N, C-alpha and C. Protein backbone atom coordinates (compact mmCIF):
# COMPACT_ATOMS: atom_id res chain seq x y z
N UNK A 1 19.87 -24.33 48.38
CA UNK A 1 18.45 -23.57 48.35
C UNK A 1 18.45 -21.85 47.87
N UNK A 2 19.92 -21.14 48.64
CA UNK A 2 20.04 -20.09 47.95
C UNK A 2 20.40 -19.71 46.62
N UNK A 3 20.91 -20.80 45.86
CA UNK A 3 21.13 -20.93 44.65
C UNK A 3 20.38 -21.57 43.56
N UNK A 4 19.39 -21.53 44.29
CA UNK A 4 18.33 -22.18 43.50
C UNK A 4 17.09 -20.87 43.61
N UNK A 5 16.98 -20.14 44.32
CA UNK A 5 16.72 -18.72 44.19
C UNK A 5 17.36 -18.06 43.70
N UNK A 6 18.64 -18.15 43.92
CA UNK A 6 18.63 -17.03 43.08
C UNK A 6 18.68 -17.26 41.22
N UNK A 7 18.62 -18.48 41.23
CA UNK A 7 18.85 -19.34 39.80
C UNK A 7 16.94 -18.35 39.31
N UNK A 8 16.54 -18.51 39.61
CA UNK A 8 15.05 -18.44 39.98
C UNK A 8 14.83 -17.12 39.35
N UNK A 9 15.20 -16.06 40.11
CA UNK A 9 15.19 -14.52 40.51
C UNK A 9 15.98 -14.17 39.51
N UNK A 10 16.79 -14.46 38.47
CA UNK A 10 17.71 -14.19 37.53
C UNK A 10 17.10 -14.52 36.49
N UNK A 11 16.26 -15.77 36.40
CA UNK A 11 15.43 -16.13 35.36
C UNK A 11 14.24 -15.48 35.09
N UNK A 12 13.89 -14.96 35.74
CA UNK A 12 12.24 -14.06 36.08
C UNK A 12 12.55 -12.65 35.39
N UNK A 13 13.44 -12.27 36.19
CA UNK A 13 13.83 -10.84 35.71
C UNK A 13 14.33 -11.02 34.38
N UNK A 14 15.28 -11.91 33.56
CA UNK A 14 15.75 -11.78 32.64
C UNK A 14 14.76 -12.44 31.59
N UNK A 15 13.34 -12.72 32.07
CA UNK A 15 12.62 -13.14 31.37
C UNK A 15 11.22 -12.27 31.05
N UNK A 16 11.04 -11.42 32.09
CA UNK A 16 10.50 -9.88 31.97
C UNK A 16 11.02 -9.02 30.74
N UNK A 17 12.43 -8.90 31.08
CA UNK A 17 12.92 -7.61 30.28
C UNK A 17 13.03 -8.18 29.41
N UNK A 18 13.50 -9.41 29.10
CA UNK A 18 13.34 -9.90 27.15
C UNK A 18 11.69 -9.11 27.08
N UNK A 19 11.08 -9.85 27.72
CA UNK A 19 9.49 -9.61 27.34
C UNK A 19 9.04 -8.21 26.89
N UNK A 20 9.87 -7.24 27.71
CA UNK A 20 9.43 -6.11 27.86
C UNK A 20 10.05 -5.28 26.53
N UNK A 21 11.75 -5.92 26.35
CA UNK A 21 12.49 -4.94 24.87
C UNK A 21 11.78 -5.96 23.90
N UNK A 22 10.93 -6.89 23.89
CA UNK A 22 9.98 -7.63 22.45
C UNK A 22 9.05 -6.32 22.00
N UNK A 23 8.45 -6.00 23.43
CA UNK A 23 7.06 -5.47 23.36
C UNK A 23 7.42 -4.13 23.02
N UNK A 24 8.72 -3.25 23.45
CA UNK A 24 8.93 -2.13 23.27
C UNK A 24 9.05 -1.95 21.32
N UNK A 25 10.04 -3.04 21.26
CA UNK A 25 10.50 -3.02 19.37
C UNK A 25 9.13 -3.02 18.76
N UNK A 26 7.90 -4.28 19.29
CA UNK A 26 6.82 -4.80 18.31
C UNK A 26 5.66 -3.46 17.99
N UNK A 27 6.55 -2.88 19.03
CA UNK A 27 5.26 -1.72 19.38
C UNK A 27 5.71 -0.23 18.51
N UNK A 28 6.73 -0.19 18.45
CA UNK A 28 7.59 1.42 18.25
C UNK A 28 8.52 0.86 17.33
N UNK A 29 9.41 0.03 16.89
CA UNK A 29 10.08 -0.20 16.05
C UNK A 29 9.73 -0.76 14.39
N UNK A 30 9.72 -2.49 15.05
CA UNK A 30 9.30 -3.00 13.51
C UNK A 30 8.22 -4.14 13.94
N UNK A 31 7.31 -4.48 12.71
CA UNK A 31 6.46 -5.66 13.42
C UNK A 31 6.63 -6.51 12.11
N UNK A 32 5.84 -8.07 12.42
CA UNK A 32 5.89 -9.02 11.13
C UNK A 32 4.48 -9.09 10.76
N UNK A 33 4.33 -8.85 9.63
CA UNK A 33 2.53 -8.82 8.83
C UNK A 33 3.13 -9.48 7.83
N UNK A 34 1.57 -10.00 7.68
CA UNK A 34 1.18 -10.76 6.06
C UNK A 34 0.48 -10.37 5.18
N UNK A 35 0.60 -10.22 4.09
CA UNK A 35 -0.27 -9.49 3.05
C UNK A 35 -1.38 -9.87 2.60
N UNK A 36 -2.22 -9.56 2.12
CA UNK A 36 -3.55 -9.97 2.35
C UNK A 36 -3.90 -9.82 0.68
N UNK A 37 -4.71 -10.63 -0.26
CA UNK A 37 -5.32 -10.32 -1.18
C UNK A 37 -4.39 -10.17 -2.37
N UNK A 38 -4.63 -9.64 -3.74
CA UNK A 38 -4.00 -9.79 -5.00
C UNK A 38 -3.61 -8.41 -5.47
N UNK A 39 -3.80 -7.49 -4.69
CA UNK A 39 -3.40 -6.23 -4.87
C UNK A 39 -1.62 -5.88 -5.16
N UNK A 40 -1.07 -6.22 -4.59
CA UNK A 40 0.14 -5.68 -5.06
C UNK A 40 1.04 -6.66 -5.99
N UNK A 41 0.28 -7.75 -6.68
CA UNK A 41 1.10 -8.83 -7.01
C UNK A 41 1.43 -7.80 -8.83
N UNK A 42 2.64 -8.52 -9.26
CA UNK A 42 3.62 -9.76 -8.66
C UNK A 42 4.58 -8.79 -7.81
N UNK A 43 4.48 -7.89 -7.43
CA UNK A 43 5.81 -8.02 -6.68
C UNK A 43 5.52 -8.46 -4.81
N UNK A 44 4.25 -8.42 -4.57
CA UNK A 44 3.75 -9.17 -3.21
C UNK A 44 2.89 -10.00 -3.48
N UNK A 45 2.79 -11.68 -2.87
CA UNK A 45 1.64 -12.54 -3.21
C UNK A 45 0.95 -12.59 -1.84
N UNK A 46 -0.33 -13.15 -1.78
CA UNK A 46 -1.34 -13.64 -0.71
C UNK A 46 -0.52 -13.73 -0.04
N UNK A 47 -0.18 -13.78 1.50
CA UNK A 47 0.38 -14.44 2.77
C UNK A 47 1.49 -13.99 2.49
N UNK A 48 2.26 -13.51 2.10
CA UNK A 48 3.67 -13.26 2.47
C UNK A 48 3.89 -12.61 3.49
N UNK A 49 5.07 -12.89 4.61
CA UNK A 49 5.30 -12.29 5.20
C UNK A 49 6.48 -10.99 5.56
N UNK A 50 5.95 -9.70 6.11
CA UNK A 50 6.82 -8.60 5.71
C UNK A 50 7.45 -8.50 7.03
N UNK A 51 8.41 -7.60 6.71
CA UNK A 51 8.82 -7.51 8.29
C UNK A 51 8.90 -5.39 7.69
N UNK A 52 8.37 -4.73 8.51
CA UNK A 52 7.47 -3.39 8.56
C UNK A 52 8.47 -2.57 10.05
N UNK A 53 9.31 -1.31 9.17
CA UNK A 53 9.42 -0.46 10.07
C UNK A 53 8.81 0.09 10.44
N UNK A 54 8.92 0.60 11.70
CA UNK A 54 7.99 1.82 12.18
C UNK A 54 8.31 2.45 12.23
N UNK A 55 9.85 3.21 12.25
CA UNK A 55 10.56 4.45 12.59
C UNK A 55 10.47 5.00 11.38
N UNK A 56 11.01 3.93 10.33
CA UNK A 56 12.07 4.68 9.53
C UNK A 56 11.36 5.66 8.48
N UNK A 57 9.96 5.76 8.31
CA UNK A 57 9.19 7.13 7.69
C UNK A 57 9.08 8.34 8.86
N UNK A 58 9.12 8.01 9.43
CA UNK A 58 9.40 9.02 10.88
C UNK A 58 10.42 9.87 10.77
N UNK A 59 11.71 9.07 10.55
CA UNK A 59 13.21 9.67 10.81
C UNK A 59 13.65 10.44 9.23
N UNK A 60 13.15 9.65 7.82
CA UNK A 60 13.78 9.84 7.02
C UNK A 60 12.52 10.26 5.81
N UNK A 61 11.44 10.33 6.20
CA UNK A 61 10.14 10.14 5.54
C UNK A 61 9.97 9.16 4.18
N UNK A 62 9.60 10.07 3.34
CA UNK A 62 8.85 8.62 2.29
C UNK A 62 9.94 9.06 0.77
N UNK A 63 10.03 8.18 0.14
CA UNK A 63 10.63 8.31 -1.19
C UNK A 63 9.47 7.69 -1.98
N UNK A 64 9.29 7.75 -3.16
CA UNK A 64 8.63 7.51 -4.29
C UNK A 64 8.76 6.07 -4.54
N UNK A 65 8.24 5.43 -4.36
CA UNK A 65 8.04 3.49 -4.85
C UNK A 65 8.23 3.22 -2.97
N UNK A 66 8.45 3.45 -2.63
CA UNK A 66 8.42 3.16 -1.39
C UNK A 66 7.23 2.13 -1.00
N UNK A 67 7.58 1.24 -0.54
CA UNK A 67 6.31 0.01 0.10
C UNK A 67 5.82 0.31 1.36
N UNK A 68 4.48 0.46 1.54
CA UNK A 68 4.41 1.11 3.08
C UNK A 68 2.73 0.22 3.07
N UNK A 69 2.77 -0.07 4.53
CA UNK A 69 1.13 -0.12 4.92
C UNK A 69 0.82 0.81 6.40
N UNK A 70 -0.24 1.03 5.86
CA UNK A 70 -1.29 1.95 6.13
C UNK A 70 -2.98 1.51 7.07
N UNK A 71 -3.19 2.57 7.55
CA UNK A 71 -4.76 2.25 7.92
C UNK A 71 -5.37 2.84 7.63
N UNK A 72 -6.77 2.33 7.00
CA UNK A 72 -8.04 3.23 5.91
C UNK A 72 -9.01 3.28 7.28
N UNK A 73 -9.07 4.11 7.98
CA UNK A 73 -10.23 4.38 8.80
C UNK A 73 -11.61 4.14 8.02
N UNK A 74 -11.43 4.61 6.86
CA UNK A 74 -13.05 4.30 5.94
C UNK A 74 -13.44 2.75 6.09
N UNK A 75 -12.16 2.23 5.84
CA UNK A 75 -12.72 0.59 5.81
C UNK A 75 -12.26 -0.57 6.77
N UNK A 76 -11.46 0.52 8.33
CA UNK A 76 -11.55 -0.46 9.10
C UNK A 76 -10.17 -1.11 8.65
N UNK A 77 -9.44 -1.07 7.65
CA UNK A 77 -8.65 -2.57 7.68
C UNK A 77 -7.54 -1.77 7.22
N UNK A 78 -6.21 -2.53 7.42
CA UNK A 78 -4.55 -2.69 6.76
C UNK A 78 -4.48 -2.48 5.32
N UNK A 79 -4.05 -2.01 4.94
CA UNK A 79 -3.35 -2.34 3.35
C UNK A 79 -1.81 -2.42 3.25
N UNK A 80 -0.99 -3.11 2.26
CA UNK A 80 0.28 -2.84 1.58
C UNK A 80 0.11 -1.96 0.49
N UNK A 81 0.42 -0.70 0.13
CA UNK A 81 0.62 -0.23 -1.51
C UNK A 81 1.62 0.62 -1.76
N UNK A 82 2.65 0.52 -2.77
CA UNK A 82 3.06 1.56 -3.28
C UNK A 82 3.17 3.13 -3.50
N UNK A 83 3.89 4.00 -2.92
CA UNK A 83 3.56 5.24 -2.89
C UNK A 83 4.29 5.58 -4.26
N UNK A 84 3.52 7.02 -4.79
CA UNK A 84 3.09 6.98 -6.03
C UNK A 84 3.88 8.22 -6.14
N UNK A 85 2.52 9.18 -5.09
CA UNK A 85 2.82 10.64 -5.16
C UNK A 85 2.75 11.08 -4.04
N UNK A 86 3.96 12.26 -3.61
CA UNK A 86 4.13 12.36 -2.78
C UNK A 86 3.53 14.34 -2.82
N UNK A 87 2.97 14.73 -1.04
CA UNK A 87 2.53 16.18 -0.90
C UNK A 87 2.99 17.15 -2.22
N UNK A 88 2.90 17.98 -2.62
CA UNK A 88 2.51 19.25 -3.65
C UNK A 88 2.73 18.82 -4.92
N UNK A 89 2.50 17.22 -5.16
CA UNK A 89 3.24 17.17 -6.65
C UNK A 89 1.69 16.83 -7.42
N UNK A 90 1.83 16.75 -8.83
CA UNK A 90 1.15 17.00 -9.55
C UNK A 90 1.31 15.39 -10.59
N UNK A 91 0.17 14.40 -10.64
CA UNK A 91 0.39 13.06 -11.02
C UNK A 91 -0.70 13.33 -11.99
N UNK A 92 0.01 12.42 -13.40
CA UNK A 92 -0.72 12.36 -14.58
C UNK A 92 -0.45 10.55 -14.98
N UNK A 93 -1.54 9.83 -15.81
CA UNK A 93 -0.60 8.64 -16.06
C UNK A 93 -1.97 9.22 -17.63
N UNK A 94 -0.83 8.41 -18.35
CA UNK A 94 -0.86 8.91 -20.05
C UNK A 94 -0.42 7.63 -20.96
N UNK A 95 -0.75 7.00 -21.54
CA UNK A 95 -0.46 5.92 -22.29
C UNK A 95 0.86 5.28 -21.59
N UNK A 96 -0.03 4.56 -20.44
CA UNK A 96 0.91 3.81 -19.92
C UNK A 96 2.27 4.23 -18.98
N UNK A 97 2.13 6.05 -18.47
CA UNK A 97 3.54 6.43 -18.45
C UNK A 97 2.95 7.22 -17.39
N UNK A 98 4.10 7.33 -15.88
CA UNK A 98 3.58 8.21 -14.87
C UNK A 98 4.25 9.42 -15.24
N UNK A 99 3.58 10.46 -15.25
CA UNK A 99 4.11 12.06 -15.21
C UNK A 99 3.67 12.77 -13.53
N UNK A 100 4.85 12.89 -13.20
CA UNK A 100 5.18 13.61 -11.84
C UNK A 100 5.33 14.96 -12.28
N UNK A 101 4.49 16.03 -11.82
CA UNK A 101 4.72 17.52 -12.41
C UNK A 101 5.31 17.74 -13.84
N UNK A 102 4.86 16.99 -14.96
CA UNK A 102 4.77 16.93 -16.72
C UNK A 102 6.21 15.96 -16.76
N UNK A 103 6.77 15.17 -15.98
CA UNK A 103 7.86 14.40 -16.50
C UNK A 103 7.72 12.90 -16.06
N UNK A 104 8.17 12.41 -17.18
CA UNK A 104 8.10 10.93 -17.16
C UNK A 104 9.26 10.11 -15.97
N UNK A 105 7.87 9.43 -15.46
CA UNK A 105 8.92 8.67 -14.39
C UNK A 105 9.08 7.11 -14.46
N UNK A 106 9.73 6.64 -14.72
CA UNK A 106 9.58 4.96 -15.21
C UNK A 106 8.95 4.03 -13.71
N UNK A 107 8.70 3.13 -13.79
CA UNK A 107 8.10 2.25 -13.11
C UNK A 107 8.77 0.66 -14.02
N UNK A 108 9.95 0.67 -13.33
CA UNK A 108 10.36 -0.82 -13.66
C UNK A 108 9.51 -2.30 -12.91
N UNK A 109 9.42 -1.76 -11.83
CA UNK A 109 8.26 -2.80 -11.44
C UNK A 109 7.54 -3.31 -11.56
N UNK A 110 6.73 -2.99 -12.82
CA UNK A 110 5.63 -3.34 -13.56
C UNK A 110 6.15 -3.00 -15.14
N UNK A 111 6.80 -3.74 -15.64
CA UNK A 111 7.43 -3.10 -17.01
C UNK A 111 6.62 -4.43 -17.71
N UNK A 112 7.17 -5.38 -17.07
CA UNK A 112 6.62 -6.88 -17.68
C UNK A 112 4.99 -6.79 -18.15
N UNK A 113 3.96 -6.68 -16.75
CA UNK A 113 3.01 -6.49 -17.29
C UNK A 113 2.59 -5.43 -18.08
N UNK A 114 3.20 -4.00 -18.33
CA UNK A 114 2.82 -3.02 -19.46
C UNK A 114 2.75 -3.91 -20.73
N UNK A 115 3.38 -5.14 -20.60
CA UNK A 115 3.88 -5.76 -22.33
C UNK A 115 2.41 -6.10 -22.68
N UNK A 116 1.36 -6.92 -21.95
CA UNK A 116 0.16 -7.71 -21.87
C UNK A 116 -0.55 -6.97 -20.87
N UNK A 117 -0.99 -5.64 -21.03
CA UNK A 117 -2.19 -5.24 -20.07
C UNK A 117 -3.42 -5.97 -19.86
N UNK A 118 -3.90 -6.72 -20.54
CA UNK A 118 -5.27 -7.34 -20.40
C UNK A 118 -5.15 -8.69 -19.66
N UNK A 119 -4.14 -9.49 -19.96
CA UNK A 119 -4.03 -10.39 -19.15
C UNK A 119 -4.19 -10.50 -17.57
N UNK A 120 -4.15 -9.43 -16.70
CA UNK A 120 -4.39 -9.41 -15.68
C UNK A 120 -5.58 -8.67 -15.45
N UNK A 121 -6.70 -8.61 -16.38
CA UNK A 121 -8.25 -8.02 -15.90
C UNK A 121 -9.12 -8.80 -15.90
N UNK A 122 -10.06 -8.14 -15.46
CA UNK A 122 -10.84 -9.35 -14.33
C UNK A 122 -12.56 -8.72 -14.08
N UNK A 123 -13.63 -9.29 -15.17
CA UNK A 123 -14.41 -8.44 -15.37
C UNK A 123 -15.45 -9.15 -14.79
N UNK A 124 -15.14 -10.17 -13.87
CA UNK A 124 -16.23 -11.14 -13.28
C UNK A 124 -16.90 -10.48 -12.14
N UNK A 125 -15.95 -9.31 -11.88
CA UNK A 125 -16.92 -8.46 -10.15
C UNK A 125 -18.00 -7.50 -10.29
N UNK A 126 -18.22 -7.83 -11.85
CA UNK A 126 -19.21 -6.78 -12.29
C UNK A 126 -20.27 -7.55 -12.45
N UNK A 127 -20.57 -8.79 -12.24
CA UNK A 127 -21.57 -9.45 -12.67
C UNK A 127 -22.78 -9.06 -12.04
N UNK A 128 -22.60 -9.16 -10.51
CA UNK A 128 -23.83 -8.84 -9.65
C UNK A 128 -24.00 -7.31 -9.35
N UNK A 129 -23.28 -6.16 -9.80
CA UNK A 129 -23.63 -4.73 -9.69
C UNK A 129 -24.70 -4.61 -10.10
N UNK A 130 -25.26 -3.87 -9.12
CA UNK A 130 -26.74 -3.53 -9.88
C UNK A 130 -26.22 -1.60 -9.25
N UNK A 131 -26.25 -0.77 -10.36
CA UNK A 131 -25.88 0.91 -9.99
C UNK A 131 -26.71 1.49 -9.47
N UNK A 132 -28.05 0.74 -9.58
CA UNK A 132 -29.07 2.04 -9.14
C UNK A 132 -29.31 1.44 -7.61
N UNK A 133 -28.56 0.72 -6.80
CA UNK A 133 -27.89 0.55 -5.73
C UNK A 133 -26.79 1.19 -5.02
N UNK A 134 -26.14 1.92 -6.11
CA UNK A 134 -25.27 1.99 -5.30
C UNK A 134 -25.35 3.37 -5.10
N UNK A 135 -24.08 3.84 -3.55
CA UNK A 135 -24.33 5.59 -3.59
C UNK A 135 -23.23 6.71 -4.36
N UNK A 136 -23.39 7.47 -4.49
CA UNK A 136 -22.38 8.45 -4.93
C UNK A 136 -20.56 8.08 -5.19
N UNK A 137 -19.99 7.74 -3.61
CA UNK A 137 -19.08 7.52 -4.18
C UNK A 137 -19.13 6.18 -5.03
N UNK A 138 -19.71 5.53 -4.22
CA UNK A 138 -19.61 3.82 -4.88
C UNK A 138 -20.34 4.01 -6.16
N UNK A 139 -20.68 4.48 -7.14
CA UNK A 139 -20.72 5.01 -8.79
C UNK A 139 -19.63 5.24 -8.88
N UNK A 140 -19.12 6.37 -8.64
CA UNK A 140 -17.74 6.95 -9.03
C UNK A 140 -16.61 6.28 -9.23
N UNK A 141 -16.44 5.40 -7.88
CA UNK A 141 -15.86 3.79 -8.03
C UNK A 141 -16.06 2.83 -8.84
N UNK A 142 -17.48 2.73 -9.81
CA UNK A 142 -17.56 1.67 -10.14
C UNK A 142 -17.30 2.30 -11.72
N UNK A 143 -17.69 3.76 -11.82
CA UNK A 143 -17.23 4.14 -13.09
C UNK A 143 -15.42 4.18 -13.29
N UNK A 144 -14.52 4.31 -12.50
CA UNK A 144 -13.16 4.41 -12.53
C UNK A 144 -12.69 2.76 -13.02
N UNK A 145 -13.72 1.91 -12.16
CA UNK A 145 -13.51 0.11 -12.63
C UNK A 145 -13.23 -0.16 -13.72
N UNK A 146 -14.81 0.45 -14.29
CA UNK A 146 -15.15 0.23 -15.64
C UNK A 146 -13.98 0.58 -16.25
N UNK A 147 -13.84 2.16 -16.15
CA UNK A 147 -12.84 2.67 -16.99
C UNK A 147 -11.46 1.77 -17.35
N UNK A 148 -11.01 1.51 -16.04
CA UNK A 148 -9.71 0.56 -16.25
C UNK A 148 -9.78 -0.71 -17.00
N UNK A 149 -11.11 -1.45 -16.59
CA UNK A 149 -10.91 -2.85 -17.68
C UNK A 149 -10.81 -2.23 -19.09
N UNK A 150 -11.87 -1.15 -19.54
CA UNK A 150 -11.98 -1.18 -20.81
C UNK A 150 -10.73 -0.07 -21.35
N UNK A 151 -9.69 -0.08 -20.47
CA UNK A 151 -7.91 0.92 -21.04
C UNK A 151 -7.32 -0.33 -21.79
N UNK A 152 -7.21 -0.18 -22.63
CA UNK A 152 -5.70 -0.58 -23.64
C UNK A 152 -4.84 -0.74 -22.57
N UNK A 153 -4.61 -0.06 -21.43
CA UNK A 153 -3.14 0.16 -20.67
C UNK A 153 -3.34 -0.73 -19.26
N UNK A 154 -2.06 -0.90 -19.47
CA UNK A 154 -2.07 -1.63 -17.68
C UNK A 154 -2.56 -0.77 -16.59
N UNK A 155 -2.18 0.68 -16.53
CA UNK A 155 -2.78 1.88 -15.70
C UNK A 155 -3.68 2.55 -16.78
N UNK A 156 -4.95 2.82 -16.52
CA UNK A 156 -6.04 3.73 -16.90
C UNK A 156 -5.39 4.99 -16.94
N UNK A 157 -5.58 5.98 -18.14
CA UNK A 157 -5.38 7.18 -18.60
C UNK A 157 -6.24 7.79 -16.99
N UNK A 158 -5.35 9.10 -15.84
CA UNK A 158 -6.31 9.66 -15.30
C UNK A 158 -5.37 11.03 -14.98
N UNK A 159 -5.80 12.32 -14.61
CA UNK A 159 -5.44 13.13 -14.13
C UNK A 159 -5.91 13.06 -12.76
N UNK A 160 -4.33 13.52 -11.63
CA UNK A 160 -5.73 13.67 -9.97
C UNK A 160 -6.49 14.31 -9.95
N UNK A 161 -6.41 15.90 -10.82
CA UNK A 161 -7.71 16.52 -10.50
C UNK A 161 -8.79 16.15 -11.08
N UNK A 162 -9.16 14.76 -12.17
CA UNK A 162 -10.42 14.18 -12.68
C UNK A 162 -11.05 13.73 -11.23
N UNK A 163 -9.68 13.16 -10.17
CA UNK A 163 -10.02 11.89 -9.16
C UNK A 163 -10.75 13.27 -8.33
N UNK A 164 -9.74 13.91 -8.19
CA UNK A 164 -9.99 15.21 -6.52
C UNK A 164 -10.15 16.38 -7.11
N UNK A 165 -10.55 16.89 -6.22
CA UNK A 165 -10.70 18.67 -6.54
C UNK A 165 -9.26 19.31 -6.88
N UNK A 166 -8.31 18.90 -6.36
CA UNK A 166 -7.10 19.67 -6.07
C UNK A 166 -6.14 19.16 -7.79
N UNK A 167 -5.55 20.23 -7.93
CA UNK A 167 -4.84 19.78 -9.06
C UNK A 167 -3.70 19.12 -8.40
N UNK A 168 -2.79 19.15 -7.34
CA UNK A 168 -1.82 19.11 -6.91
C UNK A 168 -2.22 17.94 -5.38
N UNK A 169 -1.21 17.30 -4.98
CA UNK A 169 -1.20 16.30 -4.02
C UNK A 169 -1.55 17.17 -2.76
N UNK A 170 -2.77 17.15 -1.57
CA UNK A 170 -2.82 18.63 -0.56
C UNK A 170 -1.31 18.15 0.74
N UNK A 171 -0.79 18.79 1.34
CA UNK A 171 0.14 18.38 1.93
C UNK A 171 0.12 17.39 2.94
N UNK A 172 0.61 16.31 4.06
CA UNK A 172 0.72 15.74 4.68
C UNK A 172 -0.53 14.27 4.18
N UNK A 173 -0.61 14.25 2.88
CA UNK A 173 -1.39 13.03 2.19
C UNK A 173 0.08 13.01 0.87
N UNK A 174 -0.48 11.44 0.29
CA UNK A 174 0.27 11.05 -0.42
C UNK A 174 -0.38 10.07 -1.55
N UNK A 175 -0.03 9.54 -2.20
CA UNK A 175 -1.18 8.98 -3.44
C UNK A 175 -0.18 7.79 -3.92
N UNK A 176 -1.27 6.53 -3.33
CA UNK A 176 -0.82 5.65 -3.40
C UNK A 176 -1.47 4.23 -4.19
N UNK A 177 -0.68 3.47 -5.11
CA UNK A 177 -1.09 2.51 -5.99
C UNK A 177 -0.75 1.15 -5.74
N UNK A 178 -1.35 0.21 -6.05
CA UNK A 178 -1.07 -1.02 -5.74
C UNK A 178 -0.75 -1.68 -7.40
N UNK A 179 0.52 -2.57 -7.38
CA UNK A 179 0.97 -2.81 -8.91
C UNK A 179 0.43 -3.56 -9.49
N UNK A 180 -0.66 -4.41 -8.52
CA UNK A 180 -1.58 -4.93 -9.87
C UNK A 180 -2.45 -3.68 -9.85
N UNK A 181 -2.74 -3.17 -11.21
CA UNK A 181 -3.15 -2.06 -11.36
C UNK A 181 -4.51 -2.41 -11.72
N UNK A 182 -5.09 -3.70 -12.40
CA UNK A 182 -6.35 -3.58 -13.06
C UNK A 182 -7.41 -3.91 -11.84
N UNK A 183 -6.62 -4.28 -10.62
CA UNK A 183 -7.58 -5.21 -9.27
C UNK A 183 -7.08 -4.27 -8.09
N UNK A 184 -6.49 -3.57 -8.37
CA UNK A 184 -6.00 -3.01 -6.76
C UNK A 184 -7.24 -1.52 -6.49
N UNK A 185 -7.43 -1.96 -5.21
CA UNK A 185 -8.48 -0.56 -4.55
C UNK A 185 -7.03 0.42 -4.12
N UNK A 186 -7.13 1.61 -4.44
CA UNK A 186 -6.00 2.11 -3.75
C UNK A 186 -6.99 3.66 -4.02
N UNK A 187 -5.53 4.43 -4.44
CA UNK A 187 -6.06 6.30 -3.91
C UNK A 187 -6.95 6.40 -4.93
N UNK A 188 -6.90 5.58 -6.21
CA UNK A 188 -7.77 6.30 -7.24
C UNK A 188 -9.25 6.07 -7.18
N UNK A 189 -9.36 5.08 -5.41
CA UNK A 189 -10.96 5.00 -5.55
C UNK A 189 -11.46 5.59 -4.07
N UNK A 190 -13.01 5.96 -3.61
CA UNK A 190 -12.74 7.10 -2.74
C UNK A 190 -12.85 6.21 -1.58
N UNK A 191 -13.12 4.90 -1.84
CA UNK A 191 -13.09 4.39 -0.50
C UNK A 191 -11.79 4.19 0.34
N UNK A 192 -10.53 4.79 -0.21
CA UNK A 192 -8.95 4.57 0.42
C UNK A 192 -8.89 6.16 0.16
N UNK A 193 -8.79 6.26 -0.96
CA UNK A 193 -8.58 8.16 -1.42
C UNK A 193 -7.04 8.54 -1.53
N UNK A 194 -6.84 9.69 -0.86
CA UNK A 194 -5.55 9.72 -1.16
C UNK A 194 -5.18 9.59 1.01
N UNK A 195 -4.19 9.09 0.87
CA UNK A 195 -3.54 8.53 2.15
C UNK A 195 -3.17 9.66 3.08
N UNK A 196 -3.76 9.51 4.47
CA UNK A 196 -3.18 10.72 5.07
C UNK A 196 -1.84 9.89 6.09
N UNK A 197 -0.77 11.48 5.81
CA UNK A 197 0.92 10.43 6.30
C UNK A 197 0.49 9.74 7.82
N UNK A 198 -0.50 10.54 8.27
CA UNK A 198 -0.53 10.26 9.98
C UNK A 198 -0.67 8.67 10.38
N UNK A 199 -1.62 7.72 9.08
CA UNK A 199 -2.16 6.39 9.12
C UNK A 199 -1.25 5.97 8.61
N UNK A 200 0.28 5.69 7.92
CA UNK A 200 0.82 4.99 7.88
C UNK A 200 1.50 4.97 8.77
N UNK A 201 1.23 3.11 9.10
CA UNK A 201 2.27 2.36 10.05
C UNK A 201 3.30 1.91 10.16
N UNK A 202 4.23 2.26 8.78
CA UNK A 202 5.46 2.03 8.65
C UNK A 202 5.70 1.39 7.10
N UNK A 203 7.11 1.35 6.94
CA UNK A 203 7.56 0.79 5.30
C UNK A 203 7.90 -0.48 5.28
N UNK A 204 7.83 -1.09 4.57
CA UNK A 204 8.19 -2.49 4.38
C UNK A 204 9.16 -2.56 3.97
N UNK A 205 10.56 -3.36 4.31
CA UNK A 205 11.68 -3.43 4.68
C UNK A 205 12.26 -4.49 3.92
N UNK A 206 12.03 -5.73 4.35
CA UNK A 206 12.05 -6.58 3.74
C UNK A 206 10.68 -8.17 3.72
N UNK A 207 11.05 -9.01 2.49
CA UNK A 207 9.71 -10.07 2.51
C UNK A 207 10.90 -11.28 3.37
N UNK A 208 10.02 -11.48 4.42
CA UNK A 208 10.85 -12.79 5.05
C UNK A 208 10.55 -14.15 4.71
N UNK A 209 8.83 -14.04 4.43
CA UNK A 209 8.99 -15.63 3.81
C UNK A 209 8.00 -15.38 2.36
N UNK A 210 7.63 -16.03 1.39
CA UNK A 210 8.23 -17.39 1.18
C UNK A 210 9.36 -17.65 0.53
N UNK A 211 10.42 -15.78 -0.16
CA UNK A 211 11.55 -15.75 -0.62
C UNK A 211 11.65 -14.80 -0.13
N UNK A 212 13.16 -14.65 0.41
CA UNK A 212 13.86 -13.12 1.12
C UNK A 212 14.05 -12.43 -0.35
N UNK A 213 13.62 -10.99 0.78
CA UNK A 213 13.88 -10.32 -0.47
C UNK A 213 13.68 -8.85 0.03
N UNK A 214 15.00 -7.92 0.05
CA UNK A 214 15.09 -6.72 0.41
C UNK A 214 14.59 -5.55 -0.38
N UNK A 215 13.65 -4.52 0.14
CA UNK A 215 12.56 -3.75 -0.80
C UNK A 215 13.91 -2.25 -0.52
């Protein structure tokens, strides 16, 4: 009887400790989340399972082209995008090239898409759009979307100062884009805008399923 009691007590204590450790790790260290939508194709597909580090960016900061998950208060949604611009940097896209402070930065992860940009564009979203029913920000975003559709490039030409009043990314903000440039809702559009670093939930470390990959 006493052995049975000790076994149960040990089991419950171990169970509670395991639950507490899992809660701590999932709340503060890592999480497993699915991707939603097409904005990160071809790098990430809809419903891929991702391992997100919640500490990495807080310890070592961000690097250009990191994949991150963040929360948008404007849309009350979680997004996965790629870091393109860091605080203090000047961004420009011209002739499908990324310029950071006037220096060309290669984007190997979309090299194939840049070879045939029109293949990935979709104008069906414009079918039922009535500009007269849109507010100022929505009209601005519609103009950007049309510019992207009409651009001969995978990423339309733009400068940061054309999208925002500042020539450089403000302190404590980052500029993000989706790899699916023609269809991605990202920092080019006012409904996401420049992303506050405080809203970043973590850095994508791994794709767990369907195909394992380290980022």
